[in-house]
N, C-alpha and C. Protein backbone atom coordinates (compact mmCIF):
# COMPACT_ATOMS: atom_id res chain seq x y z
N MET A 1 -1.76 9.39 2.02
CA MET A 1 -0.07 10.14 1.86
C MET A 1 0.37 10.36 0.42
N ASN A 2 0.77 11.42 -0.22
CA ASN A 2 1.22 11.65 -1.26
C ASN A 2 3.07 10.82 -1.20
N ALA A 3 3.00 10.53 -2.64
CA ALA A 3 4.13 9.95 -2.86
C ALA A 3 4.96 11.11 -3.18
N ARG A 4 6.37 11.38 -2.70
CA ARG A 4 7.34 11.97 -2.71
C ARG A 4 7.73 12.20 -4.63
N PRO A 5 7.89 13.32 -5.09
CA PRO A 5 8.45 13.67 -6.27
C PRO A 5 9.53 12.80 -7.12
N THR A 6 10.07 12.63 -8.09
CA THR A 6 10.75 11.59 -8.67
C THR A 6 11.46 12.45 -9.20
N ILE A 7 12.86 12.14 -9.28
CA ILE A 7 13.94 12.71 -10.60
C ILE A 7 14.26 11.54 -10.59
N ALA A 8 14.37 11.14 -12.28
CA ALA A 8 14.89 10.44 -12.93
C ALA A 8 16.37 10.52 -13.35
N VAL A 9 17.52 9.61 -13.16
CA VAL A 9 18.87 9.66 -13.31
C VAL A 9 19.23 8.54 -14.21
N LEU A 10 19.36 8.93 -15.69
CA LEU A 10 19.61 7.88 -16.30
C LEU A 10 21.12 7.80 -17.03
N ASN A 11 21.54 6.50 -16.95
CA ASN A 11 22.75 6.89 -17.57
C ASN A 11 23.01 6.08 -18.66
N GLY A 12 23.69 6.01 -19.76
CA GLY A 12 24.22 5.00 -20.80
C GLY A 12 25.41 4.07 -20.73
N PRO A 13 25.77 4.08 -21.93
CA PRO A 13 26.87 2.59 -21.73
C PRO A 13 28.43 3.39 -21.11
N ASN A 14 28.48 2.05 -20.93
CA ASN A 14 30.00 1.54 -20.17
C ASN A 14 30.00 2.82 -18.51
N LEU A 15 28.75 3.57 -18.11
CA LEU A 15 29.29 4.24 -16.66
C LEU A 15 29.18 3.26 -15.75
N ALA A 16 28.50 1.86 -16.03
CA ALA A 16 28.81 0.79 -14.67
C ALA A 16 30.38 0.55 -14.70
N LEU A 17 31.01 0.75 -15.31
CA LEU A 17 32.75 0.85 -15.16
C LEU A 17 33.32 2.16 -14.60
N LEU A 18 32.54 3.25 -14.04
CA LEU A 18 33.16 4.37 -13.55
C LEU A 18 34.04 3.77 -12.29
N GLY A 19 35.04 4.38 -12.17
CA GLY A 19 36.07 4.08 -10.81
C GLY A 19 37.11 2.95 -11.42
N ARG A 20 36.86 2.55 -12.72
CA ARG A 20 37.68 1.46 -13.46
C ARG A 20 38.02 1.77 -14.43
N ARG A 21 37.41 2.25 -15.19
CA ARG A 21 37.42 2.73 -16.42
C ARG A 21 37.82 4.29 -16.62
N GLU A 22 39.04 3.84 -17.72
CA GLU A 22 40.23 5.62 -17.77
C GLU A 22 39.68 6.33 -16.63
N PRO A 23 40.79 5.92 -15.16
CA PRO A 23 40.63 6.71 -14.04
C PRO A 23 40.84 8.30 -14.36
N HIS A 24 41.95 8.33 -15.44
CA HIS A 24 42.50 9.33 -15.66
C HIS A 24 42.15 10.59 -16.35
N LEU A 25 40.66 9.95 -16.63
CA LEU A 25 39.45 10.92 -17.64
C LEU A 25 38.23 11.11 -16.49
N TYR A 26 37.68 9.93 -15.92
CA TYR A 26 36.32 9.74 -15.40
C TYR A 26 36.88 10.03 -13.83
N GLY A 27 37.71 9.57 -13.12
CA GLY A 27 38.22 9.63 -11.63
C GLY A 27 37.74 8.49 -11.13
N THR A 28 37.99 8.27 -9.79
CA THR A 28 37.62 6.90 -9.17
C THR A 28 36.56 6.95 -8.66
N ALA A 29 35.61 8.19 -8.69
CA ALA A 29 34.13 7.32 -8.04
C ALA A 29 33.64 6.53 -8.98
N THR A 30 33.19 5.58 -8.45
CA THR A 30 31.79 4.53 -8.75
C THR A 30 30.44 5.08 -9.40
N LEU A 31 29.69 4.70 -10.17
CA LEU A 31 28.65 4.78 -10.46
C LEU A 31 27.72 4.87 -9.15
N ALA A 32 27.57 3.36 -8.38
CA ALA A 32 27.43 3.40 -7.08
C ALA A 32 27.63 4.73 -5.78
N ASP A 33 28.40 5.26 -6.27
CA ASP A 33 29.15 6.56 -5.36
C ASP A 33 28.31 8.03 -5.82
N ILE A 34 28.09 7.60 -7.29
CA ILE A 34 27.16 8.89 -7.85
C ILE A 34 26.07 8.87 -7.10
N GLU A 35 25.40 7.53 -7.14
CA GLU A 35 23.66 7.22 -7.27
C GLU A 35 23.71 7.64 -5.54
N ARG A 36 24.49 7.29 -4.76
CA ARG A 36 24.61 7.74 -3.49
C ARG A 36 24.38 9.31 -3.13
N SER A 37 25.26 9.73 -3.74
CA SER A 37 25.37 11.08 -3.71
C SER A 37 23.96 12.11 -4.02
N CYS A 38 23.31 11.36 -5.25
CA CYS A 38 22.02 11.93 -5.99
C CYS A 38 20.97 11.62 -4.84
N ARG A 39 21.12 10.80 -4.40
CA ARG A 39 20.20 10.25 -3.04
C ARG A 39 19.62 11.11 -1.67
N ARG A 40 21.49 11.25 -1.51
CA ARG A 40 21.59 12.27 -0.32
C ARG A 40 21.14 13.48 -0.79
N THR A 41 21.21 14.11 -1.82
CA THR A 41 21.14 15.37 -2.67
C THR A 41 19.46 15.52 -2.47
N ALA A 42 18.85 14.55 -2.85
CA ALA A 42 17.74 14.77 -3.00
C ALA A 42 16.80 14.15 -1.59
N ASP A 43 17.20 13.76 -0.96
CA ASP A 43 16.46 13.56 0.48
C ASP A 43 16.29 14.52 1.20
N GLY A 44 16.99 15.10 1.33
CA GLY A 44 16.61 16.23 2.58
C GLY A 44 15.23 17.11 2.03
N PRO A 45 15.39 17.51 0.35
CA PRO A 45 14.06 18.46 0.07
C PRO A 45 12.99 17.59 0.25
N GLY A 46 13.24 16.39 0.02
CA GLY A 46 11.69 15.47 -0.40
C GLY A 46 11.58 14.77 -1.16
N PHE A 47 12.81 14.58 -2.30
CA PHE A 47 12.80 14.11 -3.41
C PHE A 47 13.07 12.43 -3.65
N ASP A 48 12.57 11.79 -4.33
CA ASP A 48 13.40 10.49 -4.61
C ASP A 48 14.02 10.41 -6.04
N ILE A 49 14.68 9.60 -6.16
CA ILE A 49 15.91 9.57 -7.02
C ILE A 49 15.52 8.16 -7.70
N ASP A 50 15.20 7.64 -8.87
CA ASP A 50 15.13 6.47 -9.78
C ASP A 50 16.19 6.47 -10.76
N PHE A 51 17.11 6.28 -10.22
CA PHE A 51 18.96 5.66 -10.96
C PHE A 51 18.76 4.47 -11.66
N ARG A 52 19.28 4.70 -12.98
CA ARG A 52 19.44 3.55 -13.60
C ARG A 52 20.46 3.67 -14.74
N GLN A 53 20.87 2.74 -15.02
CA GLN A 53 22.13 2.15 -15.94
C GLN A 53 21.99 1.37 -16.79
N THR A 54 21.99 1.46 -18.29
CA THR A 54 21.94 0.63 -19.19
C THR A 54 22.91 0.66 -20.21
N ASN A 55 23.47 -0.21 -20.93
CA ASN A 55 24.36 -0.08 -22.22
C ASN A 55 23.57 -0.35 -23.73
N HIS A 56 22.36 -0.03 -23.43
CA HIS A 56 21.53 -0.73 -24.24
C HIS A 56 20.82 0.66 -24.75
N GLU A 57 20.89 1.20 -26.35
CA GLU A 57 20.21 2.17 -26.54
C GLU A 57 18.85 2.34 -26.44
N GLY A 58 18.45 1.10 -27.28
CA GLY A 58 16.99 0.45 -26.86
C GLY A 58 16.21 0.79 -25.50
N THR A 59 17.18 0.14 -24.52
CA THR A 59 16.78 0.22 -23.23
C THR A 59 16.41 1.84 -22.77
N LEU A 60 17.48 2.68 -23.09
CA LEU A 60 17.54 3.82 -22.67
C LEU A 60 16.03 4.70 -23.11
N VAL A 61 16.00 4.26 -23.91
CA VAL A 61 14.85 4.89 -24.87
C VAL A 61 13.25 4.40 -24.08
N ASP A 62 13.54 3.06 -23.81
CA ASP A 62 12.23 2.67 -23.22
C ASP A 62 12.04 3.06 -21.89
N GLN A 63 13.34 3.38 -20.87
CA GLN A 63 13.11 4.01 -19.39
C GLN A 63 12.71 5.70 -19.70
N ILE A 64 13.09 5.84 -20.48
CA ILE A 64 12.42 7.50 -20.96
C ILE A 64 10.93 7.42 -20.97
N HIS A 65 10.38 7.02 -21.95
CA HIS A 65 8.93 6.43 -22.00
C HIS A 65 8.13 5.82 -20.57
N GLU A 66 8.79 5.21 -20.17
CA GLU A 66 8.50 4.81 -18.79
C GLU A 66 8.18 5.95 -17.95
N LEU A 67 9.08 6.62 -17.96
CA LEU A 67 9.28 7.72 -16.78
C LEU A 67 8.61 8.80 -17.12
N ARG A 68 8.47 9.11 -18.49
CA ARG A 68 7.98 10.52 -19.16
C ARG A 68 7.07 11.33 -18.39
N ASP A 69 5.68 10.23 -17.75
CA ASP A 69 4.45 10.98 -17.28
C ASP A 69 4.72 11.18 -15.88
N SER A 70 6.16 10.36 -15.02
CA SER A 70 5.69 10.34 -13.88
C SER A 70 6.91 11.34 -13.12
N ALA A 71 8.20 11.61 -13.53
CA ALA A 71 9.33 12.34 -13.22
C ALA A 71 8.95 13.61 -12.72
N VAL A 72 9.65 14.68 -12.18
CA VAL A 72 9.63 15.48 -12.36
C VAL A 72 10.62 16.34 -12.94
N GLY A 73 11.61 15.63 -13.14
CA GLY A 73 12.71 15.96 -14.16
C GLY A 73 13.70 14.76 -14.34
N PHE A 74 14.89 14.83 -15.32
CA PHE A 74 15.65 13.81 -15.74
C PHE A 74 17.00 14.48 -15.61
N VAL A 75 17.75 13.73 -15.28
CA VAL A 75 19.27 13.95 -15.43
C VAL A 75 19.93 12.93 -16.00
N ILE A 76 20.27 13.00 -17.42
CA ILE A 76 20.82 12.32 -18.43
C ILE A 76 22.48 12.38 -18.72
N ASN A 77 22.84 11.08 -18.61
CA ASN A 77 24.39 11.01 -18.69
C ASN A 77 24.06 9.82 -19.90
N ALA A 78 23.90 10.46 -21.40
CA ALA A 78 23.61 9.03 -22.24
C ALA A 78 25.37 8.39 -22.71
N ALA A 79 26.03 9.55 -22.60
CA ALA A 79 27.51 8.83 -22.56
C ALA A 79 27.91 9.09 -24.01
N ALA A 80 28.25 7.70 -24.78
CA ALA A 80 28.12 7.87 -26.24
C ALA A 80 27.04 8.26 -27.13
N TYR A 81 26.01 7.82 -26.48
CA TYR A 81 24.69 7.97 -26.92
C TYR A 81 24.22 9.67 -27.62
N THR A 82 25.11 9.96 -26.64
CA THR A 82 24.93 11.64 -26.79
C THR A 82 25.07 12.26 -27.98
N HIS A 83 26.04 11.56 -28.26
CA HIS A 83 26.79 12.04 -29.90
C HIS A 83 26.11 11.14 -30.89
N THR A 84 25.19 10.29 -31.30
CA THR A 84 25.03 9.16 -31.93
C THR A 84 23.32 9.37 -31.97
N SER A 85 22.51 9.40 -31.00
CA SER A 85 21.22 8.60 -31.02
C SER A 85 20.30 9.49 -31.25
N VAL A 86 20.01 9.53 -32.41
CA VAL A 86 18.68 10.45 -32.98
C VAL A 86 17.43 10.04 -32.30
N ALA A 87 17.26 8.36 -31.73
CA ALA A 87 16.13 7.83 -31.24
C ALA A 87 16.27 8.24 -29.63
N LEU A 88 17.19 8.72 -28.95
CA LEU A 88 17.44 9.11 -27.56
C LEU A 88 16.55 10.39 -27.73
N HIS A 89 17.35 11.52 -28.79
CA HIS A 89 16.52 12.71 -28.83
C HIS A 89 15.22 12.69 -28.98
N ASP A 90 14.81 12.10 -29.92
CA ASP A 90 12.93 12.01 -29.93
C ASP A 90 12.53 11.50 -28.98
N ALA A 91 12.84 10.43 -28.15
CA ALA A 91 12.15 10.15 -26.77
C ALA A 91 12.33 10.95 -25.94
N LEU A 92 13.34 11.89 -25.97
CA LEU A 92 13.45 13.09 -24.48
C LEU A 92 12.54 14.23 -25.28
N ALA A 93 12.16 14.23 -26.38
CA ALA A 93 11.41 15.57 -26.95
C ALA A 93 10.05 15.39 -26.59
N THR A 94 9.57 13.94 -26.20
CA THR A 94 8.11 13.63 -25.82
C THR A 94 7.98 14.22 -24.09
N VAL A 95 9.04 14.55 -23.65
CA VAL A 95 9.19 14.48 -21.83
C VAL A 95 8.58 16.09 -21.86
N THR A 96 7.73 16.56 -20.81
CA THR A 96 7.56 17.88 -20.89
C THR A 96 8.47 18.17 -19.31
N ALA A 97 8.84 17.33 -18.32
CA ALA A 97 9.75 17.96 -17.24
C ALA A 97 10.86 18.17 -17.77
N PRO A 98 11.39 18.97 -17.04
CA PRO A 98 12.94 19.22 -17.70
C PRO A 98 14.32 18.68 -17.48
N ILE A 99 15.05 18.93 -18.34
CA ILE A 99 16.06 17.72 -18.80
C ILE A 99 17.69 18.54 -18.53
N VAL A 100 18.25 17.85 -18.14
CA VAL A 100 19.70 18.16 -17.28
C VAL A 100 20.69 17.10 -18.17
N GLU A 101 21.29 17.49 -19.30
CA GLU A 101 22.21 16.76 -19.61
C GLU A 101 23.94 16.79 -18.65
N VAL A 102 24.22 15.84 -18.30
CA VAL A 102 25.32 15.42 -17.79
C VAL A 102 26.48 14.86 -18.37
N HIS A 103 27.95 15.24 -18.08
CA HIS A 103 29.05 14.90 -18.60
C HIS A 103 30.20 14.79 -17.70
N LEU A 104 30.68 13.77 -17.17
CA LEU A 104 31.77 13.73 -16.32
C LEU A 104 33.04 14.68 -16.77
N THR A 105 33.17 14.76 -18.12
CA THR A 105 34.32 15.42 -18.78
C THR A 105 33.63 16.49 -19.99
N ASN A 106 34.99 17.45 -19.41
CA ASN A 106 34.36 18.36 -20.39
C ASN A 106 34.56 18.18 -22.13
N VAL A 107 33.16 17.21 -22.54
CA VAL A 107 33.20 17.08 -23.66
C VAL A 107 33.83 17.95 -24.94
N HIS A 108 33.90 19.38 -24.81
CA HIS A 108 34.33 20.23 -25.70
C HIS A 108 35.72 20.34 -25.56
N ALA A 109 36.41 19.80 -24.88
CA ALA A 109 37.32 19.83 -24.88
C ALA A 109 38.29 18.43 -25.34
N ARG A 110 37.67 17.76 -25.98
CA ARG A 110 37.92 16.23 -26.11
C ARG A 110 37.61 15.64 -28.03
N GLU A 111 37.66 14.81 -27.98
CA GLU A 111 37.76 14.42 -29.42
C GLU A 111 36.42 15.29 -30.46
N ALA A 112 36.58 15.81 -31.52
CA ALA A 112 35.47 16.43 -32.30
C ALA A 112 34.19 15.70 -32.15
N PHE A 113 33.84 14.30 -32.31
CA PHE A 113 33.40 13.82 -32.89
C PHE A 113 32.20 13.87 -31.08
N ARG A 114 32.65 14.35 -30.25
CA ARG A 114 31.84 14.40 -28.60
C ARG A 114 31.59 16.02 -28.89
N HIS A 115 31.60 16.39 -29.48
CA HIS A 115 31.31 17.88 -29.48
C HIS A 115 29.77 18.33 -29.82
N ARG A 116 29.22 17.70 -31.04
CA ARG A 116 27.88 17.57 -31.03
C ARG A 116 26.83 16.29 -29.81
N SER A 117 25.85 17.10 -30.04
CA SER A 117 25.05 16.50 -28.59
C SER A 117 23.57 16.28 -29.19
N PHE A 118 23.22 15.39 -29.41
CA PHE A 118 21.53 15.02 -29.91
C PHE A 118 20.88 15.37 -28.52
N VAL A 119 20.90 15.18 -27.39
CA VAL A 119 20.35 15.61 -25.99
C VAL A 119 20.12 17.19 -26.03
N ALA A 120 21.02 18.49 -26.14
CA ALA A 120 21.46 19.34 -25.79
C ALA A 120 19.91 20.04 -26.18
N PRO A 121 19.47 19.57 -27.25
CA PRO A 121 18.53 20.56 -28.04
C PRO A 121 17.04 20.41 -26.99
N VAL A 122 16.89 19.37 -26.45
CA VAL A 122 15.56 19.22 -25.67
C VAL A 122 15.92 19.43 -24.53
N ALA A 123 17.38 19.30 -23.67
CA ALA A 123 18.02 19.61 -22.48
C ALA A 123 17.61 21.08 -22.02
N LYS A 124 17.28 21.46 -20.84
CA LYS A 124 16.97 22.31 -19.86
C LYS A 124 18.67 23.23 -19.77
N ALA A 125 19.08 22.30 -19.43
CA ALA A 125 20.73 22.73 -19.19
C ALA A 125 21.57 21.53 -19.02
N VAL A 126 22.90 22.00 -19.51
CA VAL A 126 24.18 21.15 -19.64
C VAL A 126 24.91 21.00 -18.76
N ILE A 127 25.63 20.38 -17.98
CA ILE A 127 26.65 19.86 -17.11
C ILE A 127 27.79 19.30 -17.68
N ALA A 128 28.78 19.98 -17.85
CA ALA A 128 30.09 18.93 -18.48
C ALA A 128 31.28 19.48 -17.67
N GLY A 129 32.23 18.38 -17.35
CA GLY A 129 33.43 18.88 -16.87
C GLY A 129 33.22 18.87 -15.32
N CYS A 130 32.66 18.80 -14.59
CA CYS A 130 32.47 18.67 -13.13
C CYS A 130 32.43 17.39 -12.18
N GLY A 131 32.93 16.42 -13.66
CA GLY A 131 33.20 15.53 -12.80
C GLY A 131 31.80 14.75 -11.91
N PRO A 132 31.63 14.07 -11.03
CA PRO A 132 30.89 13.56 -10.21
C PRO A 132 29.69 14.44 -9.83
N GLU A 133 30.33 15.13 -9.18
CA GLU A 133 29.64 16.97 -9.04
C GLU A 133 28.44 17.27 -9.59
N GLY A 134 28.89 17.14 -10.99
CA GLY A 134 27.90 17.18 -12.03
C GLY A 134 26.53 16.78 -11.89
N TYR A 135 26.39 15.52 -11.37
CA TYR A 135 25.33 15.00 -11.16
C TYR A 135 24.27 15.96 -10.06
N THR A 136 25.37 16.21 -8.71
CA THR A 136 24.42 16.51 -7.70
C THR A 136 23.96 18.18 -8.38
N PHE A 137 24.90 18.93 -9.18
CA PHE A 137 24.70 20.35 -9.36
C PHE A 137 22.90 19.97 -10.35
N ALA A 138 23.13 18.93 -11.29
CA ALA A 138 21.92 18.93 -12.23
C ALA A 138 20.72 18.35 -11.03
N VAL A 139 20.86 17.44 -9.82
CA VAL A 139 19.94 17.34 -9.32
C VAL A 139 19.25 18.35 -8.16
N ARG A 140 19.86 19.19 -7.94
CA ARG A 140 19.40 20.58 -6.94
C ARG A 140 18.69 21.27 -8.41
N HIS A 141 19.42 21.61 -9.05
CA HIS A 141 18.45 22.50 -10.21
C HIS A 141 17.42 21.82 -10.50
N LEU A 142 17.49 20.75 -10.50
CA LEU A 142 15.99 20.14 -11.26
C LEU A 142 14.96 20.54 -9.67
N ILE A 143 15.44 20.05 -8.64
CA ILE A 143 14.58 20.33 -7.28
C ILE A 143 14.17 21.96 -7.35
N ALA A 144 14.72 22.75 -7.64
CA ALA A 144 14.78 24.09 -7.40
C ALA A 144 13.70 24.26 -8.45
N LEU A 145 13.90 23.91 -9.93
CA LEU A 145 12.88 23.98 -10.69
C LEU A 145 11.29 23.45 -10.17
N ALA A 146 11.41 22.34 -9.72
CA ALA A 146 10.35 21.79 -9.60
C ALA A 146 9.71 22.33 -8.50
N THR A 147 10.44 23.08 -7.14
CA THR A 147 10.08 23.70 -6.27
C THR A 147 9.36 25.16 -6.53
N ASP A 148 9.96 25.99 -7.42
CA ASP A 148 9.36 26.79 -8.12
C ASP A 148 8.15 27.04 -8.46
N THR A 149 7.98 25.95 -9.34
CA THR A 149 6.82 25.57 -10.30
C THR A 149 5.92 25.24 -9.14
N GLU A 150 5.77 24.28 -8.27
CA GLU A 150 4.77 24.08 -7.16
C GLU A 150 4.67 25.28 -6.58
N GLU A 151 5.39 26.47 -6.19
CA GLU A 151 5.33 27.54 -5.57
C GLU A 151 4.56 28.87 -6.60
N THR A 152 4.52 28.45 -7.78
CA THR A 152 4.21 29.80 -8.47
C THR A 152 2.78 28.84 -9.12
N ALA A 153 2.47 28.12 -8.90
CA ALA A 153 1.28 27.59 -9.94
C ALA A 153 -0.18 27.92 -9.18
N PRO A 154 -0.93 28.55 -9.81
CA PRO A 154 -2.09 29.20 -9.90
C PRO A 154 -2.65 27.75 -8.60
């Protein structure tokens, strides 16, 4: 029996506090709510979700290394590391699967330091400002890419 393809959903610092942290910016959905939504979105088409959160930059890099050869796609909300981490960029640059960068808020309408992303140059797509639904958009996009690849492969 073949294993189902897996999409990695990686979350950076402070996202475990969603629902309680600045709800006027980030809303009231929790990270657990977002995880359930990602799993529901992926389950019907036959995909699994490997959903993780860490507050530590090195752990995030290690997770990318661990999953780089097995995941068919990556959704990443690196949070503050998006704007600061060359190490994260370098780890993501080793990934051959498509990457979708996600932000709950429109980072381009916020503080100037949030306008720069070290993730975007290695991402296939960037979704910002759609709240928790941005994650499901990203999962759907990666499923479509994986499905198109499988159908058009020689």
